[in-house]
């Protein structure tokens, strides 16, 4: 699978207009080592992630649940967290 813009981009722009979500293979998304360690033994080449890599935000609706779980506790945000209590909340209120 190649990198591509998420098909839900109009809806995502309403939630987080400063982010650009794209679909990647997990192996190409440059996830933190601690997240990849949690995925050890799983074929990450076959898993997908929908994210904004620059801002470390994952869209759990289009991402394999194991990947979302592996990212918890890292510097990555889930979209809802980003837009309500994370850096996106400050941008929305500013």
N, C-alpha and C. Protein backbone atom coordinates (compact mmCIF):
# COMPACT_ATOMS: atom_id res chain seq x y z
N UNK A 1 0.85 -1.18 0.00
CA UNK A 1 0.00 0.00 0.00
C UNK A 1 0.89 1.23 0.00
N UNK A 2 0.53 2.21 -0.74
CA UNK A 2 1.31 3.44 -0.77
C UNK A 2 0.68 4.47 0.16
N UNK A 3 1.45 5.47 0.49
CA UNK A 3 0.96 6.55 1.33
C UNK A 3 -0.12 7.31 0.58
N UNK A 4 -1.22 7.59 1.26
CA UNK A 4 -2.29 8.34 0.60
C UNK A 4 -3.14 9.08 1.63
N UNK A 5 -3.77 10.13 1.16
CA UNK A 5 -4.64 10.93 2.01
C UNK A 5 -5.83 10.09 2.45
N UNK A 6 -6.20 10.25 3.72
CA UNK A 6 -7.33 9.51 4.26
C UNK A 6 -8.60 9.91 3.52
N UNK A 7 -9.44 8.94 3.14
CA UNK A 7 -10.67 9.28 2.43
C UNK A 7 -11.67 10.07 3.29
N UNK A 8 -11.49 10.07 4.59
CA UNK A 8 -12.37 10.84 5.49
C UNK A 8 -11.83 12.24 5.76
N UNK A 9 -10.94 12.74 4.90
CA UNK A 9 -10.30 14.02 5.18
C UNK A 9 -11.28 15.17 5.40
N UNK A 10 -12.43 15.25 4.73
CA UNK A 10 -13.32 16.39 5.03
C UNK A 10 -13.80 16.39 6.48
N UNK A 11 -14.16 15.22 6.98
CA UNK A 11 -14.59 15.10 8.38
C UNK A 11 -13.42 15.38 9.33
N UNK A 12 -12.26 14.86 9.01
CA UNK A 12 -11.09 15.07 9.87
C UNK A 12 -10.68 16.54 9.90
N UNK A 13 -10.88 17.26 8.81
CA UNK A 13 -10.55 18.69 8.78
C UNK A 13 -11.46 19.48 9.71
N UNK A 14 -12.69 19.00 9.92
CA UNK A 14 -13.59 19.67 10.86
C UNK A 14 -13.10 19.50 12.30
N UNK A 15 -12.52 18.35 12.59
CA UNK A 15 -12.05 18.04 13.94
C UNK A 15 -10.68 18.66 14.22
N UNK A 16 -9.79 18.52 13.25
CA UNK A 16 -8.41 18.98 13.43
C UNK A 16 -7.90 19.59 12.12
N UNK A 17 -8.24 20.84 11.85
CA UNK A 17 -7.89 21.44 10.57
C UNK A 17 -6.40 21.60 10.31
N UNK A 18 -5.59 21.57 11.36
CA UNK A 18 -4.15 21.73 11.19
C UNK A 18 -3.43 20.43 10.87
N UNK A 19 -4.15 19.32 10.87
CA UNK A 19 -3.53 18.02 10.66
C UNK A 19 -3.86 17.48 9.27
N UNK A 20 -2.97 16.66 8.75
CA UNK A 20 -3.19 15.99 7.47
C UNK A 20 -3.02 14.50 7.68
N UNK A 21 -4.11 13.77 7.66
CA UNK A 21 -4.08 12.33 7.90
C UNK A 21 -3.85 11.58 6.61
N UNK A 22 -2.92 10.65 6.66
CA UNK A 22 -2.62 9.78 5.53
C UNK A 22 -2.57 8.35 6.03
N UNK A 23 -2.77 7.42 5.11
CA UNK A 23 -2.69 6.00 5.42
C UNK A 23 -1.29 5.50 5.07
N UNK A 24 -0.72 4.74 6.00
CA UNK A 24 0.61 4.17 5.82
C UNK A 24 0.59 2.70 6.24
N UNK A 25 1.58 1.97 5.79
CA UNK A 25 1.85 0.68 6.39
C UNK A 25 2.56 1.01 7.70
N UNK A 26 2.29 0.25 8.75
CA UNK A 26 2.91 0.52 10.04
C UNK A 26 4.43 0.54 9.92
N UNK A 27 4.97 -0.35 9.10
CA UNK A 27 6.43 -0.43 8.94
C UNK A 27 7.04 0.87 8.42
N UNK A 28 6.27 1.69 7.68
CA UNK A 28 6.81 2.93 7.14
C UNK A 28 6.44 4.17 7.96
N UNK A 29 5.71 4.00 9.02
CA UNK A 29 5.20 5.15 9.78
C UNK A 29 6.17 5.69 10.82
N UNK A 30 7.31 5.06 10.99
CA UNK A 30 8.34 5.53 11.92
C UNK A 30 7.80 5.67 13.34
N UNK A 31 7.18 4.61 13.83
CA UNK A 31 6.62 4.61 15.18
C UNK A 31 7.75 4.49 16.20
N UNK A 32 7.50 4.93 17.43
CA UNK A 32 8.53 4.83 18.47
C UNK A 32 8.89 3.37 18.77
N UNK A 33 10.13 3.17 19.17
CA UNK A 33 10.64 1.83 19.45
C UNK A 33 9.79 1.11 20.49
N UNK A 34 9.32 1.82 21.51
CA UNK A 34 8.52 1.17 22.55
C UNK A 34 7.20 0.65 22.00
N UNK A 35 6.63 1.33 21.01
CA UNK A 35 5.40 0.85 20.38
C UNK A 35 5.69 -0.36 19.52
N UNK A 36 6.77 -0.31 18.75
CA UNK A 36 7.13 -1.45 17.92
C UNK A 36 7.44 -2.68 18.76
N UNK A 37 8.04 -2.47 19.94
CA UNK A 37 8.33 -3.60 20.82
C UNK A 37 7.04 -4.28 21.28
N UNK A 38 6.00 -3.50 21.49
CA UNK A 38 4.70 -4.06 21.89
C UNK A 38 4.06 -4.85 20.76
N UNK A 39 4.49 -4.60 19.53
CA UNK A 39 3.94 -5.29 18.36
C UNK A 39 4.83 -6.46 17.92
N UNK A 40 5.85 -6.77 18.71
CA UNK A 40 6.76 -7.86 18.36
C UNK A 40 5.98 -9.15 18.14
N UNK A 41 6.33 -9.85 17.09
CA UNK A 41 5.65 -11.10 16.77
C UNK A 41 4.44 -10.92 15.88
N UNK A 42 4.04 -9.68 15.63
CA UNK A 42 2.91 -9.39 14.76
C UNK A 42 3.48 -8.90 13.42
N UNK A 43 2.87 -9.29 12.34
CA UNK A 43 3.34 -8.87 11.02
C UNK A 43 2.96 -7.42 10.75
N UNK A 44 3.83 -6.50 11.15
CA UNK A 44 3.51 -5.08 11.00
C UNK A 44 3.42 -4.67 9.54
N UNK A 45 4.01 -5.46 8.63
CA UNK A 45 3.91 -5.13 7.21
C UNK A 45 2.47 -5.22 6.72
N UNK A 46 1.65 -5.96 7.45
CA UNK A 46 0.26 -6.15 7.03
C UNK A 46 -0.70 -5.24 7.79
N UNK A 47 -0.18 -4.39 8.67
CA UNK A 47 -1.02 -3.52 9.48
C UNK A 47 -1.01 -2.11 8.91
N UNK A 48 -2.12 -1.42 9.09
CA UNK A 48 -2.25 -0.06 8.58
C UNK A 48 -2.41 0.93 9.73
N UNK A 49 -1.97 2.15 9.45
CA UNK A 49 -2.16 3.24 10.40
C UNK A 49 -2.61 4.46 9.60
N UNK A 50 -3.54 5.19 10.16
CA UNK A 50 -4.00 6.46 9.61
C UNK A 50 -3.52 7.51 10.60
N UNK A 51 -2.64 8.40 10.14
CA UNK A 51 -2.04 9.33 11.09
C UNK A 51 -1.52 10.58 10.41
N UNK A 52 -1.19 11.55 11.26
CA UNK A 52 -0.40 12.71 10.86
C UNK A 52 0.95 12.48 11.54
N UNK A 53 1.94 12.07 10.74
CA UNK A 53 3.25 11.72 11.30
C UNK A 53 3.97 12.93 11.88
N UNK A 54 3.79 14.09 11.31
CA UNK A 54 4.48 15.29 11.79
C UNK A 54 4.04 15.69 13.18
N UNK A 55 2.75 15.48 13.49
CA UNK A 55 2.20 15.90 14.78
C UNK A 55 1.97 14.73 15.73
N UNK A 56 2.30 13.51 15.28
CA UNK A 56 2.18 12.31 16.12
C UNK A 56 0.75 12.07 16.58
N UNK A 57 -0.19 12.12 15.62
CA UNK A 57 -1.60 11.92 15.93
C UNK A 57 -2.12 10.76 15.09
N UNK A 58 -2.75 9.79 15.77
CA UNK A 58 -3.30 8.61 15.10
C UNK A 58 -4.82 8.70 15.08
N UNK A 59 -5.40 8.28 13.96
CA UNK A 59 -6.85 8.20 13.82
C UNK A 59 -7.24 6.74 14.11
N UNK A 60 -7.77 6.46 15.30
CA UNK A 60 -8.05 5.06 15.65
C UNK A 60 -9.15 4.42 14.82
N UNK A 61 -9.99 5.22 14.16
CA UNK A 61 -11.06 4.65 13.34
C UNK A 61 -10.52 3.92 12.11
N UNK A 62 -9.33 4.31 11.64
CA UNK A 62 -8.76 3.69 10.44
C UNK A 62 -7.44 2.99 10.74
N UNK A 63 -7.19 2.68 11.99
CA UNK A 63 -5.92 2.08 12.39
C UNK A 63 -6.17 0.76 13.08
N UNK A 64 -5.31 -0.20 12.82
CA UNK A 64 -5.41 -1.49 13.49
C UNK A 64 -5.42 -1.28 15.00
N UNK A 65 -6.37 -1.86 15.73
CA UNK A 65 -6.47 -1.65 17.18
C UNK A 65 -5.19 -2.01 17.95
N UNK A 66 -4.45 -2.98 17.48
CA UNK A 66 -3.19 -3.34 18.16
C UNK A 66 -2.19 -2.19 18.07
N UNK A 67 -2.20 -1.48 16.98
CA UNK A 67 -1.29 -0.34 16.81
C UNK A 67 -1.71 0.80 17.73
N UNK A 68 -3.00 1.07 17.79
CA UNK A 68 -3.50 2.12 18.67
C UNK A 68 -3.11 1.81 20.11
N UNK A 69 -3.29 0.58 20.53
CA UNK A 69 -2.93 0.18 21.88
C UNK A 69 -1.43 0.30 22.12
N UNK A 70 -0.63 -0.08 21.14
CA UNK A 70 0.83 0.00 21.28
C UNK A 70 1.31 1.45 21.42
N UNK A 71 0.58 2.39 20.83
CA UNK A 71 0.99 3.80 20.90
C UNK A 71 0.62 4.46 22.22
N UNK A 72 -0.27 3.86 22.99
CA UNK A 72 -0.63 4.43 24.29
C UNK A 72 0.61 4.49 25.17
N UNK A 73 0.78 5.59 25.86
CA UNK A 73 1.94 5.75 26.73
C UNK A 73 3.17 6.27 26.01
N UNK A 74 3.06 6.53 24.70
CA UNK A 74 4.16 7.14 23.96
C UNK A 74 3.84 8.63 23.75
N UNK A 75 4.64 9.30 22.96
CA UNK A 75 4.41 10.71 22.68
C UNK A 75 3.34 10.92 21.60
N UNK A 76 2.72 9.85 21.12
CA UNK A 76 1.66 9.94 20.13
C UNK A 76 0.32 10.21 20.82
N UNK A 77 -0.57 10.90 20.11
CA UNK A 77 -1.92 11.21 20.59
C UNK A 77 -2.94 10.47 19.73
N UNK A 78 -4.05 10.10 20.34
CA UNK A 78 -5.21 9.68 19.55
C UNK A 78 -5.91 10.97 19.13
N UNK A 79 -6.62 10.93 18.03
CA UNK A 79 -7.27 12.13 17.50
C UNK A 79 -8.15 12.82 18.53
N UNK A 80 -8.98 12.07 19.25
CA UNK A 80 -9.87 12.67 20.25
C UNK A 80 -9.08 13.36 21.34
N UNK A 81 -7.99 12.75 21.77
CA UNK A 81 -7.15 13.35 22.82
C UNK A 81 -6.50 14.63 22.29
N UNK A 82 -5.98 14.59 21.07
CA UNK A 82 -5.35 15.76 20.47
C UNK A 82 -6.30 16.94 20.43
N UNK A 83 -7.54 16.68 20.03
CA UNK A 83 -8.47 17.78 19.80
C UNK A 83 -9.21 18.24 21.05
N UNK A 84 -9.16 17.46 22.14
CA UNK A 84 -9.88 17.87 23.36
C UNK A 84 -8.95 18.30 24.49
N UNK A 85 -7.90 17.54 24.74
CA UNK A 85 -7.02 17.88 25.88
C UNK A 85 -5.56 18.03 25.47
N UNK A 86 -5.23 17.74 24.23
CA UNK A 86 -3.86 17.83 23.76
C UNK A 86 -3.59 19.16 23.08
N UNK A 87 -2.51 19.22 22.30
CA UNK A 87 -2.14 20.47 21.63
C UNK A 87 -3.21 21.03 20.71
N UNK A 88 -4.04 20.17 20.14
CA UNK A 88 -5.09 20.65 19.26
C UNK A 88 -6.17 21.44 19.98
N UNK A 89 -6.39 21.16 21.24
CA UNK A 89 -7.39 21.89 22.02
C UNK A 89 -6.96 23.35 22.19
N UNK A 90 -5.68 23.58 22.40
CA UNK A 90 -5.17 24.95 22.53
C UNK A 90 -5.31 25.70 21.23
N UNK A 91 -5.06 25.02 20.12
CA UNK A 91 -5.19 25.65 18.81
C UNK A 91 -6.64 26.01 18.50
N UNK A 92 -7.56 25.15 18.90
CA UNK A 92 -8.98 25.37 18.63
C UNK A 92 -9.54 26.54 19.45
N UNK A 93 -9.01 26.72 20.66
CA UNK A 93 -9.54 27.77 21.52
C UNK A 93 -8.83 29.10 21.32
N UNK A 94 -7.68 29.06 20.62
CA UNK A 94 -6.87 30.26 20.47
C UNK A 94 -7.34 31.12 19.40
